[in-house]
């Protein structure tokens, strides 16, 4: 069985709840990524800030709250590092998000995107 830890990205770029929203947007743009985990000091998951979340800034750039916590999605789906890639793929198929967070002992240890799974499928095909 293929497990999450097989393909997860472990060098995860994160932000905190009190990160300035425009700093978070710059991180997304500079790193060509579509979402960032929002973590607490102990690396537990507080939420995710995605491109979709920050689109709301268009409506009120002048009056925008300046913190990530004002825009992030809370209650995000996560998986354990030993969970099946099949389960993760099914979750990504059924839901309208591009990535899932991977935990160990309740703390963020990785991330898996749709692209990661697609790349892995291609590798399996060439073996």
C-alpha atoms as a PDB file:
ATOM      1  CA  UNK A   1       0.000   0.000   0.000  1.00  0.00           C
ATOM      2  CA  UNK A   2       1.248   3.463  -0.911  1.00  0.00           C
ATOM      3  CA  UNK A   3       1.363   5.792   2.076  1.00  0.00           C
ATOM      4  CA  UNK A   4       1.252   9.568   2.349  1.00  0.00           C
ATOM      5  CA  UNK A   5       4.818   9.737   3.639  1.00  0.00           C
ATOM      6  CA  UNK A   6       5.983   8.160   0.363  1.00  0.00           C
ATOM      7  CA  UNK A   7       5.330  11.316  -1.649  1.00  0.00           C
ATOM      8  CA  UNK A   8       4.577  14.157   0.783  1.00  0.00           C
ATOM      9  CA  UNK A   9       6.576  17.349   0.605  1.00  0.00           C
ATOM     10  CA  UNK A  10       8.234  17.777   3.985  1.00  0.00           C
ATOM     11  CA  UNK A  11       9.832  21.191   3.577  1.00  0.00           C
ATOM     12  CA  UNK A  12       6.487  22.936   3.957  1.00  0.00           C
ATOM     13  CA  UNK A  13       6.284  26.705   3.788  1.00  0.00           C
ATOM     14  CA  UNK A  14       3.889  27.883   6.501  1.00  0.00           C
ATOM     15  CA  UNK A  15       2.499  31.074   7.970  1.00  0.00           C
ATOM     16  CA  UNK A  16       0.982  31.957  11.335  1.00  0.00           C
ATOM     17  CA  UNK A  17      -2.469  33.382  12.085  1.00  0.00           C
ATOM     18  CA  UNK A  18      -1.006  36.830  12.727  1.00  0.00           C
ATOM     19  CA  UNK A  19       1.033  36.940   9.495  1.00  0.00           C
ATOM     20  CA  UNK A  20       0.169  39.995   7.411  1.00  0.00           C
ATOM     21  CA  UNK A  21      -2.161  38.911   4.604  1.00  0.00           C
ATOM     22  CA  UNK A  22      -0.122  40.702   1.946  1.00  0.00           C
ATOM     23  CA  UNK A  23       3.042  38.934   3.152  1.00  0.00           C
ATOM     24  CA  UNK A  24       1.222  35.628   2.753  1.00  0.00           C
ATOM     25  CA  UNK A  25       0.123  36.593  -0.760  1.00  0.00           C
ATOM     26  CA  UNK A  26       3.725  37.452  -1.632  1.00  0.00           C
ATOM     27  CA  UNK A  27       4.839  34.010  -0.385  1.00  0.00           C
ATOM     28  CA  UNK A  28       2.206  32.345  -2.593  1.00  0.00           C
ATOM     29  CA  UNK A  29       3.284  34.337  -5.651  1.00  0.00           C
ATOM     30  CA  UNK A  30       7.051  34.102  -5.073  1.00  0.00           C
ATOM     31  CA  UNK A  31       6.916  30.334  -4.559  1.00  0.00           C
ATOM     32  CA  UNK A  32       4.344  29.639  -7.294  1.00  0.00           C
ATOM     33  CA  UNK A  33       2.085  27.772  -4.879  1.00  0.00           C
ATOM     34  CA  UNK A  34      -1.684  27.885  -4.458  1.00  0.00           C
ATOM     35  CA  UNK A  35      -2.022  27.533  -0.693  1.00  0.00           C
ATOM     36  CA  UNK A  36      -0.185  27.707   2.612  1.00  0.00           C
ATOM     37  CA  UNK A  37      -0.788  25.875   5.864  1.00  0.00           C
ATOM     38  CA  UNK A  38      -1.465  28.193   8.782  1.00  0.00           C
ATOM     39  CA  UNK A  39       0.106  26.757  11.929  1.00  0.00           C
ATOM     40  CA  UNK A  40       0.201  27.502  15.622  1.00  0.00           C
ATOM     41  CA  UNK A  41       3.524  27.825  17.466  1.00  0.00           C
ATOM     42  CA  UNK A  42       3.486  24.088  18.273  1.00  0.00           C
ATOM     43  CA  UNK A  43       2.994  23.203  14.547  1.00  0.00           C
ATOM     44  CA  UNK A  44      -0.613  22.124  15.027  1.00  0.00           C
ATOM     45  CA  UNK A  45      -2.844  23.148  12.135  1.00  0.00           C
ATOM     46  CA  UNK A  46      -4.894  26.336  12.463  1.00  0.00           C
ATOM     47  CA  UNK A  47      -6.078  26.429   8.845  1.00  0.00           C
ATOM     48  CA  UNK A  48      -5.050  27.038   5.243  1.00  0.00           C
ATOM     49  CA  UNK A  49      -4.755  30.282   3.305  1.00  0.00           C
ATOM     50  CA  UNK A  50      -5.295  29.723  -0.418  1.00  0.00           C
ATOM     51  CA  UNK A  51      -5.537  31.762  -3.581  1.00  0.00           C
ATOM     52  CA  UNK A  52      -9.293  31.296  -3.406  1.00  0.00           C
ATOM     53  CA  UNK A  53      -9.373  32.733   0.137  1.00  0.00           C
ATOM     54  CA  UNK A  54      -7.464  35.883  -0.793  1.00  0.00           C
ATOM     55  CA  UNK A  55      -9.685  36.630  -3.787  1.00  0.00           C
ATOM     56  CA  UNK A  56     -12.039  38.184  -1.213  1.00  0.00           C
ATOM     57  CA  UNK A  57      -9.555  41.032  -0.846  1.00  0.00           C
ATOM     58  CA  UNK A  58     -10.659  42.366  -4.212  1.00  0.00           C
ATOM     59  CA  UNK A  59     -13.922  43.496  -2.634  1.00  0.00           C
ATOM     60  CA  UNK A  60     -12.379  45.462   0.205  1.00  0.00           C
ATOM     61  CA  UNK A  61      -8.654  46.103  -0.261  1.00  0.00           C
ATOM     62  CA  UNK A  62      -8.909  49.419   1.581  1.00  0.00           C
ATOM     63  CA  UNK A  63     -10.784  48.017   4.581  1.00  0.00           C
ATOM     64  CA  UNK A  64      -9.111  44.619   4.683  1.00  0.00           C
ATOM     65  CA  UNK A  65      -8.084  43.086   7.965  1.00  0.00           C
ATOM     66  CA  UNK A  66      -4.373  42.670   7.854  1.00  0.00           C
ATOM     67  CA  UNK A  67      -4.011  39.196   9.346  1.00  0.00           C
ATOM     68  CA  UNK A  68      -4.141  35.793   7.673  1.00  0.00           C
ATOM     69  CA  UNK A  69      -6.652  34.607  10.285  1.00  0.00           C
ATOM     70  CA  UNK A  70      -9.243  36.975   8.786  1.00  0.00           C
ATOM     71  CA  UNK A  71      -9.168  35.084   5.463  1.00  0.00           C
ATOM     72  CA  UNK A  72      -7.965  31.538   6.130  1.00  0.00           C
ATOM     73  CA  UNK A  73     -10.099  28.443   5.841  1.00  0.00           C
ATOM     74  CA  UNK A  74     -10.505  26.784   9.231  1.00  0.00           C
ATOM     75  CA  UNK A  75     -11.308  23.155   9.925  1.00  0.00           C
ATOM     76  CA  UNK A  76      -9.212  21.835   7.056  1.00  0.00           C
ATOM     77  CA  UNK A  77      -8.950  18.189   6.045  1.00  0.00           C
ATOM     78  CA  UNK A  78      -5.717  16.483   7.022  1.00  0.00           C
ATOM     79  CA  UNK A  79      -4.342  12.971   6.884  1.00  0.00           C
ATOM     80  CA  UNK A  80      -1.780  11.042   8.909  1.00  0.00           C
ATOM     81  CA  UNK A  81       1.555  10.284   7.277  1.00  0.00           C
ATOM     82  CA  UNK A  82       0.688   6.552   7.309  1.00  0.00           C
ATOM     83  CA  UNK A  83      -2.664   7.002   5.569  1.00  0.00           C
ATOM     84  CA  UNK A  84      -3.208   5.520   2.114  1.00  0.00           C
ATOM     85  CA  UNK A  85      -2.579   7.565  -1.019  1.00  0.00           C
ATOM     86  CA  UNK A  86      -5.772   6.013  -2.388  1.00  0.00           C
ATOM     87  CA  UNK A  87      -7.757   7.618   0.449  1.00  0.00           C
ATOM     88  CA  UNK A  88      -6.037  10.952  -0.166  1.00  0.00           C
ATOM     89  CA  UNK A  89      -6.701  10.784  -3.916  1.00  0.00           C
ATOM     90  CA  UNK A  90     -10.371   9.977  -3.263  1.00  0.00           C
ATOM     91  CA  UNK A  91     -10.612  12.977  -0.946  1.00  0.00           C
ATOM     92  CA  UNK A  92      -9.096  15.284  -3.560  1.00  0.00           C
ATOM     93  CA  UNK A  93     -11.457  13.902  -6.211  1.00  0.00           C
ATOM     94  CA  UNK A  94     -14.558  14.437  -4.058  1.00  0.00           C
ATOM     95  CA  UNK A  95     -13.653  17.860  -2.680  1.00  0.00           C
ATOM     96  CA  UNK A  96     -12.852  21.170  -4.247  1.00  0.00           C
ATOM     97  CA  UNK A  97      -9.386  21.746  -2.861  1.00  0.00           C
ATOM     98  CA  UNK A  98      -5.923  21.214  -4.274  1.00  0.00           C
ATOM     99  CA  UNK A  99      -3.940  19.989  -1.326  1.00  0.00           C
ATOM    100  CA  UNK A 100      -4.178  18.131   1.969  1.00  0.00           C
ATOM    101  CA  UNK A 101      -2.036  18.565   5.025  1.00  0.00           C
ATOM    102  CA  UNK A 102      -0.186  15.597   6.476  1.00  0.00           C
ATOM    103  CA  UNK A 103       0.282  15.170  10.217  1.00  0.00           C
ATOM    104  CA  UNK A 104       2.098  12.996  12.689  1.00  0.00           C
ATOM    105  CA  UNK A 105       1.157  13.160  16.339  1.00  0.00           C
ATOM    106  CA  UNK A 106      -1.225  16.002  15.550  1.00  0.00           C
ATOM    107  CA  UNK A 107       1.511  18.216  14.117  1.00  0.00           C
ATOM    108  CA  UNK A 108       2.092  19.257  10.521  1.00  0.00           C
ATOM    109  CA  UNK A 109       4.839  17.197   8.872  1.00  0.00           C
ATOM    110  CA  UNK A 110       4.002  17.477   5.182  1.00  0.00           C
ATOM    111  CA  UNK A 111       1.653  18.385   2.381  1.00  0.00           C
ATOM    112  CA  UNK A 112       0.373  16.537  -0.683  1.00  0.00           C
ATOM    113  CA  UNK A 113      -1.076  18.312  -3.699  1.00  0.00           C
ATOM    114  CA  UNK A 114      -2.988  16.990  -6.674  1.00  0.00           C
ATOM    115  CA  UNK A 115       0.155  17.534  -8.733  1.00  0.00           C
ATOM    116  CA  UNK A 116       2.218  15.393  -6.327  1.00  0.00           C
ATOM    117  CA  UNK A 117      -0.135  12.461  -6.845  1.00  0.00           C
ATOM    118  CA  UNK A 118      -0.239  12.940 -10.610  1.00  0.00           C
ATOM    119  CA  UNK A 119       3.573  13.011 -10.721  1.00  0.00           C
ATOM    120  CA  UNK A 120       3.686   9.822  -8.639  1.00  0.00           C
ATOM    121  CA  UNK A 121       1.227   8.091 -10.994  1.00  0.00           C
ATOM    122  CA  UNK A 122       3.508   8.974 -13.916  1.00  0.00           C
ATOM    123  CA  UNK A 123       6.542   7.553 -12.062  1.00  0.00           C
ATOM    124  CA  UNK A 124       4.668   4.305 -11.382  1.00  0.00           C
ATOM    125  CA  UNK A 125       3.768   4.040 -15.059  1.00  0.00           C
ATOM    126  CA  UNK A 126       7.417   4.234 -16.080  1.00  0.00           C
ATOM    127  CA  UNK A 127       8.634   1.581 -13.640  1.00  0.00           C
END
